[in-house]
Amino acid sequence: MENTEHDTHKLVIIVGSVRDGRFGPVVSSWVAEQAAAHDAFEVEVVDLAEVELPLALPASSPKFAGDGYPRPAGMARLTEALEGADAFLIVTPEYNHSYPASLKAAIDWHFTQWTAKPVAFVSYGGAAGGRHAVLHLENVLTELHAVTIRDGLAFPNYFTAWRDGSPLDPAAAGYARTLLDQLAWWAGALKNARAVAPYPA
């Protein structure tokens, strides 16, 4: 059954790596194509390489400061995207068995924007395919009251597993569909729940 316009969820895809020569935009472009072909989402891609992300944080926590939290002007688009999202999909590499500092900064500059919203992960790396990075992200985002999606998508040895902007594994699109189906279900369920009652964070 096709979704109506009312059922469409705002999905923000976050490109986590800002490293020179990064592969993240290739992965995120393919993922965005899969999400756009899925009838449940309106897709926006946010590339952290285009966002001002200082590591020094204000003294107060964004949890308590709310709308008055003093973020840099160059972070405004990211904050607006996170605020308006019904669901997130984070594309991350694995650096030293974890995720990039750029992602941690983007997360730490925000709080309520993640609350009671679902987050899915697409990772890439060496033999582990970025799975260590995802495990760490799951712990962090659970602390922020986000709901992490079980079925992620990982690309081991991405440097030999992709060609012309697409993964060589013919099953990858099917795995992406499963991830997006679960993300859409949670996006709808949590959107409805937030509409009924404020989340007790």
C-alpha atoms as a PDB file:
ATOM      1  CA  MET A   1       0.000   0.000   0.000  1.00  0.00           C
ATOM      2  CA  GLU A   2       1.362   3.402  -0.959  1.00  0.00           C
ATOM      3  CA  ASN A   3       1.864   6.024   1.707  1.00  0.00           C
ATOM      4  CA  THR A   4      -0.187   9.185   1.558  1.00  0.00           C
ATOM      5  CA  GLU A   5       1.408  12.593   1.895  1.00  0.00           C
ATOM      6  CA  HIS A   6       0.379  12.539   5.555  1.00  0.00           C
ATOM      7  CA  ASP A   7       2.452   9.400   6.092  1.00  0.00           C
ATOM      8  CA  THR A   8       5.662  10.863   4.655  1.00  0.00           C
ATOM      9  CA  HIS A   9       8.395  11.343   7.249  1.00  0.00           C
ATOM     10  CA  LYS A  10      11.220  13.872   7.176  1.00  0.00           C
ATOM     11  CA  LEU A  11      14.449  11.853   7.036  1.00  0.00           C
ATOM     12  CA  VAL A  12      17.766  13.599   7.663  1.00  0.00           C
ATOM     13  CA  ILE A  13      20.821  11.716   6.390  1.00  0.00           C
ATOM     14  CA  ILE A  14      23.994  12.854   8.152  1.00  0.00           C
ATOM     15  CA  VAL A  15      27.374  12.488   6.422  1.00  0.00           C
ATOM     16  CA  GLY A  16      29.623  11.942   9.426  1.00  0.00           C
ATOM     17  CA  SER A  17      33.160  12.118   8.041  1.00  0.00           C
ATOM     18  CA  VAL A  18      34.932  15.396   7.309  1.00  0.00           C
ATOM     19  CA  ARG A  19      38.309  13.832   6.474  1.00  0.00           C
ATOM     20  CA  ASP A  20      40.101  14.814   3.252  1.00  0.00           C
ATOM     21  CA  GLY A  21      39.466  12.246   0.538  1.00  0.00           C
ATOM     22  CA  ARG A  22      36.556  10.748   2.484  1.00  0.00           C
ATOM     23  CA  PHE A  23      34.294   8.087   0.998  1.00  0.00           C
ATOM     24  CA  GLY A  24      31.253   9.193   2.983  1.00  0.00           C
ATOM     25  CA  PRO A  25      29.608  11.287   0.230  1.00  0.00           C
ATOM     26  CA  VAL A  26      29.644   8.266  -2.099  1.00  0.00           C
ATOM     27  CA  VAL A  27      27.886   6.102   0.489  1.00  0.00           C
ATOM     28  CA  SER A  28      25.443   8.821   1.509  1.00  0.00           C
ATOM     29  CA  SER A  29      24.495   9.556  -2.119  1.00  0.00           C
ATOM     30  CA  TRP A  30      23.636   5.903  -2.690  1.00  0.00           C
ATOM     31  CA  VAL A  31      21.735   5.719   0.605  1.00  0.00           C
ATOM     32  CA  ALA A  32      19.822   8.899  -0.256  1.00  0.00           C
ATOM     33  CA  GLU A  33      18.791   7.317  -3.566  1.00  0.00           C
ATOM     34  CA  GLN A  34      17.474   4.254  -1.732  1.00  0.00           C
ATOM     35  CA  ALA A  35      15.570   6.448   0.729  1.00  0.00           C
ATOM     36  CA  ALA A  36      14.119   8.636  -2.030  1.00  0.00           C
ATOM     37  CA  ALA A  37      12.883   5.519  -3.829  1.00  0.00           C
ATOM     38  CA  HIS A  38      11.195   4.394  -0.602  1.00  0.00           C
ATOM     39  CA  ASP A  39       7.743   5.988  -0.496  1.00  0.00           C
ATOM     40  CA  ALA A  40       7.849   6.833   3.214  1.00  0.00           C
ATOM     41  CA  PHE A  41      10.401   9.645   3.278  1.00  0.00           C
ATOM     42  CA  GLU A  42      11.173  13.208   2.361  1.00  0.00           C
ATOM     43  CA  VAL A  43      14.985  13.171   2.315  1.00  0.00           C
ATOM     44  CA  GLU A  44      17.479  15.851   3.317  1.00  0.00           C
ATOM     45  CA  VAL A  45      21.235  15.237   3.334  1.00  0.00           C
ATOM     46  CA  VAL A  46      23.371  17.194   5.812  1.00  0.00           C
ATOM     47  CA  ASP A  47      27.133  17.013   5.252  1.00  0.00           C
ATOM     48  CA  LEU A  48      29.073  17.812   8.432  1.00  0.00           C
ATOM     49  CA  ALA A  49      31.990  19.023   6.301  1.00  0.00           C
ATOM     50  CA  GLU A  50      29.780  22.028   5.501  1.00  0.00           C
ATOM     51  CA  VAL A  51      28.866  22.765   9.129  1.00  0.00           C
ATOM     52  CA  GLU A  52      30.725  24.885  11.691  1.00  0.00           C
ATOM     53  CA  LEU A  53      31.481  22.394  14.475  1.00  0.00           C
ATOM     54  CA  PRO A  54      33.794  23.777  17.168  1.00  0.00           C
ATOM     55  CA  LEU A  55      34.926  21.318  19.816  1.00  0.00           C
ATOM     56  CA  ALA A  56      34.757  23.880  22.629  1.00  0.00           C
ATOM     57  CA  LEU A  57      31.243  23.851  24.090  1.00  0.00           C
ATOM     58  CA  PRO A  58      29.390  26.506  26.144  1.00  0.00           C
ATOM     59  CA  ALA A  59      29.368  26.033  29.907  1.00  0.00           C
ATOM     60  CA  SER A  60      25.658  25.246  30.067  1.00  0.00           C
ATOM     61  CA  SER A  61      24.130  22.059  28.692  1.00  0.00           C
ATOM     62  CA  PRO A  62      21.786  22.215  25.679  1.00  0.00           C
ATOM     63  CA  LYS A  63      19.444  19.980  27.690  1.00  0.00           C
ATOM     64  CA  PHE A  64      18.745  22.806  30.120  1.00  0.00           C
ATOM     65  CA  ALA A  65      19.419  25.876  27.954  1.00  0.00           C
ATOM     66  CA  GLY A  66      16.785  24.914  25.360  1.00  0.00           C
ATOM     67  CA  ASP A  67      16.214  27.417  22.552  1.00  0.00           C
ATOM     68  CA  GLY A  68      18.605  29.853  24.192  1.00  0.00           C
ATOM     69  CA  TYR A  69      21.637  27.605  23.697  1.00  0.00           C
ATOM     70  CA  PRO A  70      24.374  29.721  22.032  1.00  0.00           C
ATOM     71  CA  ARG A  71      25.267  27.804  18.870  1.00  0.00           C
ATOM     72  CA  PRO A  72      27.515  29.216  16.105  1.00  0.00           C
ATOM     73  CA  ALA A  73      25.710  30.806  13.168  1.00  0.00           C
ATOM     74  CA  GLY A  74      27.309  28.246  10.860  1.00  0.00           C
ATOM     75  CA  MET A  75      25.490  25.466  12.720  1.00  0.00           C
ATOM     76  CA  ALA A  76      22.010  26.854  12.061  1.00  0.00           C
ATOM     77  CA  ARG A  77      21.165  24.605   9.116  1.00  0.00           C
ATOM     78  CA  LEU A  78      22.175  21.482  11.047  1.00  0.00           C
ATOM     79  CA  THR A  79      20.123  22.511  14.087  1.00  0.00           C
ATOM     80  CA  GLU A  80      17.095  23.284  11.926  1.00  0.00           C
ATOM     81  CA  ALA A  81      17.386  19.954  10.127  1.00  0.00           C
ATOM     82  CA  LEU A  82      17.683  17.988  13.361  1.00  0.00           C
ATOM     83  CA  GLU A  83      14.766  19.880  14.898  1.00  0.00           C
ATOM     84  CA  GLY A  84      12.471  19.198  11.952  1.00  0.00           C
ATOM     85  CA  ALA A  85      13.447  15.572  11.412  1.00  0.00           C
ATOM     86  CA  ASP A  86      11.156  12.645  12.107  1.00  0.00           C
ATOM     87  CA  ALA A  87      14.035  10.184  11.641  1.00  0.00           C
ATOM     88  CA  PHE A  88      17.798  10.123  11.177  1.00  0.00           C
ATOM     89  CA  LEU A  89      20.184   7.996   9.177  1.00  0.00           C
ATOM     90  CA  ILE A  90      23.851   8.416  10.098  1.00  0.00           C
ATOM     91  CA  VAL A  91      26.536   7.467   7.576  1.00  0.00           C
ATOM     92  CA  THR A  92      29.790   6.875   9.434  1.00  0.00           C
ATOM     93  CA  PRO A  93      33.244   5.456   8.884  1.00  0.00           C
ATOM     94  CA  GLU A  94      35.241   3.787  11.627  1.00  0.00           C
ATOM     95  CA  TYR A  95      38.313   5.553  12.980  1.00  0.00           C
ATOM     96  CA  ASN A  96      40.342   3.618  15.550  1.00  0.00           C
ATOM     97  CA  HIS A  97      37.374   1.393  16.483  1.00  0.00           C
ATOM     98  CA  SER A  98      34.995   4.338  16.900  1.00  0.00           C
ATOM     99  CA  TYR A  99      33.270   7.151  15.031  1.00  0.00           C
ATOM    100  CA  PRO A 100      34.625  10.555  13.930  1.00  0.00           C
ATOM    101  CA  ALA A 101      34.998  13.545  16.244  1.00  0.00           C
ATOM    102  CA  SER A 102      32.828  15.529  13.819  1.00  0.00           C
ATOM    103  CA  LEU A 103      29.856  13.319  14.660  1.00  0.00           C
ATOM    104  CA  LYS A 104      30.464  13.597  18.402  1.00  0.00           C
ATOM    105  CA  ALA A 105      30.594  17.383  18.132  1.00  0.00           C
ATOM    106  CA  ALA A 106      27.372  17.494  16.104  1.00  0.00           C
ATOM    107  CA  ILE A 107      25.650  15.303  18.685  1.00  0.00           C
ATOM    108  CA  ASP A 108      26.977  17.155  21.730  1.00  0.00           C
ATOM    109  CA  TRP A 109      25.894  20.583  20.430  1.00  0.00           C
ATOM    110  CA  HIS A 110      22.289  19.304  20.552  1.00  0.00           C
ATOM    111  CA  PHE A 111      20.025  17.381  22.898  1.00  0.00           C
ATOM    112  CA  THR A 112      16.261  17.638  22.545  1.00  0.00           C
ATOM    113  CA  GLN A 113      16.511  17.396  18.763  1.00  0.00           C
ATOM    114  CA  TRP A 114      17.265  13.661  19.093  1.00  0.00           C
ATOM    115  CA  THR A 115      14.668  12.875  21.748  1.00  0.00           C
ATOM    116  CA  ALA A 116      12.085  10.188  20.952  1.00  0.00           C
ATOM    117  CA  LYS A 117      13.173   9.945  17.320  1.00  0.00           C
ATOM    118  CA  PRO A 118      14.571   6.887  15.502  1.00  0.00           C
ATOM    119  CA  VAL A 119      18.154   6.656  14.247  1.00  0.00           C
ATOM    120  CA  ALA A 120      19.484   4.139  11.720  1.00  0.00           C
ATOM    121  CA  PHE A 121      23.114   3.577  10.742  1.00  0.00           C
ATOM    122  CA  VAL A 122      25.040   2.897   7.553  1.00  0.00           C
ATOM    123  CA  SER A 123      28.722   2.279   8.208  1.00  0.00           C
ATOM    124  CA  TYR A 124      31.815   1.506   6.185  1.00  0.00           C
ATOM    125  CA  GLY A 125      35.385   0.588   6.982  1.00  0.00           C
ATOM    126  CA  GLY A 126      37.879  -2.245   6.897  1.00  0.00           C
ATOM    127  CA  ALA A 127      37.151  -5.815   7.904  1.00  0.00           C
ATOM    128  CA  ALA A 128      34.558  -4.768  10.510  1.00  0.00           C
ATOM    129  CA  GLY A 129      32.673  -2.504   8.129  1.00  0.00           C
ATOM    130  CA  GLY A 130      32.383   0.263  10.710  1.00  0.00           C
ATOM    131  CA  ARG A 131      30.427  -1.816  13.219  1.00  0.00           C
ATOM    132  CA  HIS A 132      32.532  -0.652  16.173  1.00  0.00           C
ATOM    133  CA  ALA A 133      31.624   2.940  15.337  1.00  0.00           C
ATOM    134  CA  VAL A 134      27.928   2.048  15.286  1.00  0.00           C
ATOM    135  CA  LEU A 135      28.103   0.286  18.656  1.00  0.00           C
ATOM    136  CA  HIS A 136      29.539   3.439  20.212  1.00  0.00           C
ATOM    137  CA  LEU A 137      26.965   5.651  18.510  1.00  0.00           C
ATOM    138  CA  GLU A 138      24.145   3.465  19.801  1.00  0.00           C
ATOM    139  CA  ASN A 139      25.328   4.021  23.376  1.00  0.00           C
ATOM    140  CA  VAL A 140      25.586   7.786  22.937  1.00  0.00           C
ATOM    141  CA  LEU A 141      22.241   8.254  21.203  1.00  0.00           C
ATOM    142  CA  THR A 142      20.419   6.052  23.698  1.00  0.00           C
ATOM    143  CA  GLU A 143      21.632   8.473  26.382  1.00  0.00           C
ATOM    144  CA  LEU A 144      19.889  11.240  24.415  1.00  0.00           C
ATOM    145  CA  HIS A 145      16.616   9.261  24.422  1.00  0.00           C
ATOM    146  CA  ALA A 146      16.777   8.422  20.721  1.00  0.00           C
ATOM    147  CA  VAL A 147      15.621   5.007  19.494  1.00  0.00           C
ATOM    148  CA  THR A 148      18.274   3.123  17.543  1.00  0.00           C
ATOM    149  CA  ILE A 149      17.235   0.764  14.743  1.00  0.00           C
ATOM    150  CA  ARG A 150      18.433  -2.814  14.998  1.00  0.00           C
ATOM    151  CA  ASP A 151      19.007  -3.560  11.303  1.00  0.00           C
ATOM    152  CA  GLY A 152      21.881  -1.423  10.083  1.00  0.00           C
ATOM    153  CA  LEU A 153      23.879  -1.611   6.894  1.00  0.00           C
ATOM    154  CA  ALA A 154      27.656  -2.153   6.997  1.00  0.00           C
ATOM    155  CA  PHE A 155      30.183  -2.207   4.166  1.00  0.00           C
ATOM    156  CA  PRO A 156      33.412  -4.066   5.027  1.00  0.00           C
ATOM    157  CA  ASN A 157      36.459  -3.297   2.879  1.00  0.00           C
ATOM    158  CA  TYR A 158      34.527  -0.593   1.079  1.00  0.00           C
ATOM    159  CA  PHE A 159      37.569   0.279  -1.054  1.00  0.00           C
ATOM    160  CA  THR A 160      37.098  -2.955  -3.042  1.00  0.00           C
ATOM    161  CA  ALA A 161      33.349  -3.429  -2.470  1.00  0.00           C
ATOM    162  CA  TRP A 162      32.081  -0.440  -4.460  1.00  0.00           C
ATOM    163  CA  ARG A 163      32.213   0.544  -8.120  1.00  0.00           C
ATOM    164  CA  ASP A 164      30.809   3.595  -9.902  1.00  0.00           C
ATOM    165  CA  GLY A 165      29.040   4.883  -6.815  1.00  0.00           C
ATOM    166  CA  SER A 166      27.239   1.653  -5.907  1.00  0.00           C
ATOM    167  CA  PRO A 167      28.032  -1.411  -3.783  1.00  0.00           C
ATOM    168  CA  LEU A 168      28.936  -4.558  -5.691  1.00  0.00           C
ATOM    169  CA  ASP A 169      26.866  -6.757  -3.383  1.00  0.00           C
ATOM    170  CA  PRO A 170      23.533  -7.296  -5.173  1.00  0.00           C
ATOM    171  CA  ALA A 171      21.819  -7.845  -1.811  1.00  0.00           C
ATOM    172  CA  ALA A 172      22.721  -4.356  -0.527  1.00  0.00           C
ATOM    173  CA  ALA A 173      19.577  -2.676  -1.867  1.00  0.00           C
ATOM    174  CA  GLY A 174      17.417  -5.296  -0.139  1.00  0.00           C
ATOM    175  CA  TYR A 175      19.202  -4.751   3.164  1.00  0.00           C
ATOM    176  CA  ALA A 176      18.708  -1.008   2.744  1.00  0.00           C
ATOM    177  CA  ARG A 177      15.005  -1.564   2.156  1.00  0.00           C
ATOM    178  CA  THR A 178      14.714  -3.531   5.410  1.00  0.00           C
ATOM    179  CA  LEU A 179      16.508  -0.755   7.300  1.00  0.00           C
ATOM    180  CA  LEU A 180      14.226   1.885   5.754  1.00  0.00           C
ATOM    181  CA  ASP A 181      11.075  -0.146   6.435  1.00  0.00           C
ATOM    182  CA  GLN A 182      11.996  -0.369  10.116  1.00  0.00           C
ATOM    183  CA  LEU A 183      12.981   3.294  10.240  1.00  0.00           C
ATOM    184  CA  ALA A 184       9.661   4.320   8.664  1.00  0.00           C
ATOM    185  CA  TRP A 185       7.705   2.222  11.172  1.00  0.00           C
ATOM    186  CA  TRP A 186       9.470   3.790  14.118  1.00  0.00           C
ATOM    187  CA  ALA A 187       9.240   7.275  12.607  1.00  0.00           C
ATOM    188  CA  GLY A 188       5.463   6.956  12.341  1.00  0.00           C
ATOM    189  CA  ALA A 189       5.014   5.340  15.755  1.00  0.00           C
ATOM    190  CA  LEU A 190       7.151   7.907  17.568  1.00  0.00           C
ATOM    191  CA  LYS A 191       5.672  10.865  15.672  1.00  0.00           C
ATOM    192  CA  ASN A 192       2.213   9.746  16.751  1.00  0.00           C
ATOM    193  CA  ALA A 193       3.388   9.227  20.328  1.00  0.00           C
ATOM    194  CA  ARG A 194       4.966  12.710  20.495  1.00  0.00           C
ATOM    195  CA  ALA A 195       1.712  14.191  19.194  1.00  0.00           C
ATOM    196  CA  VAL A 196      -0.303  12.492  21.922  1.00  0.00           C
ATOM    197  CA  ALA A 197       1.921  13.391  24.883  1.00  0.00           C
ATOM    198  CA  PRO A 198       5.301  15.055  25.522  1.00  0.00           C
ATOM    199  CA  TYR A 199       8.122  12.591  26.012  1.00  0.00           C
ATOM    200  CA  PRO A 200       9.060  12.448  29.746  1.00  0.00           C
ATOM    201  CA  ALA A 201      12.770  13.151  29.357  1.00  0.00           C
END
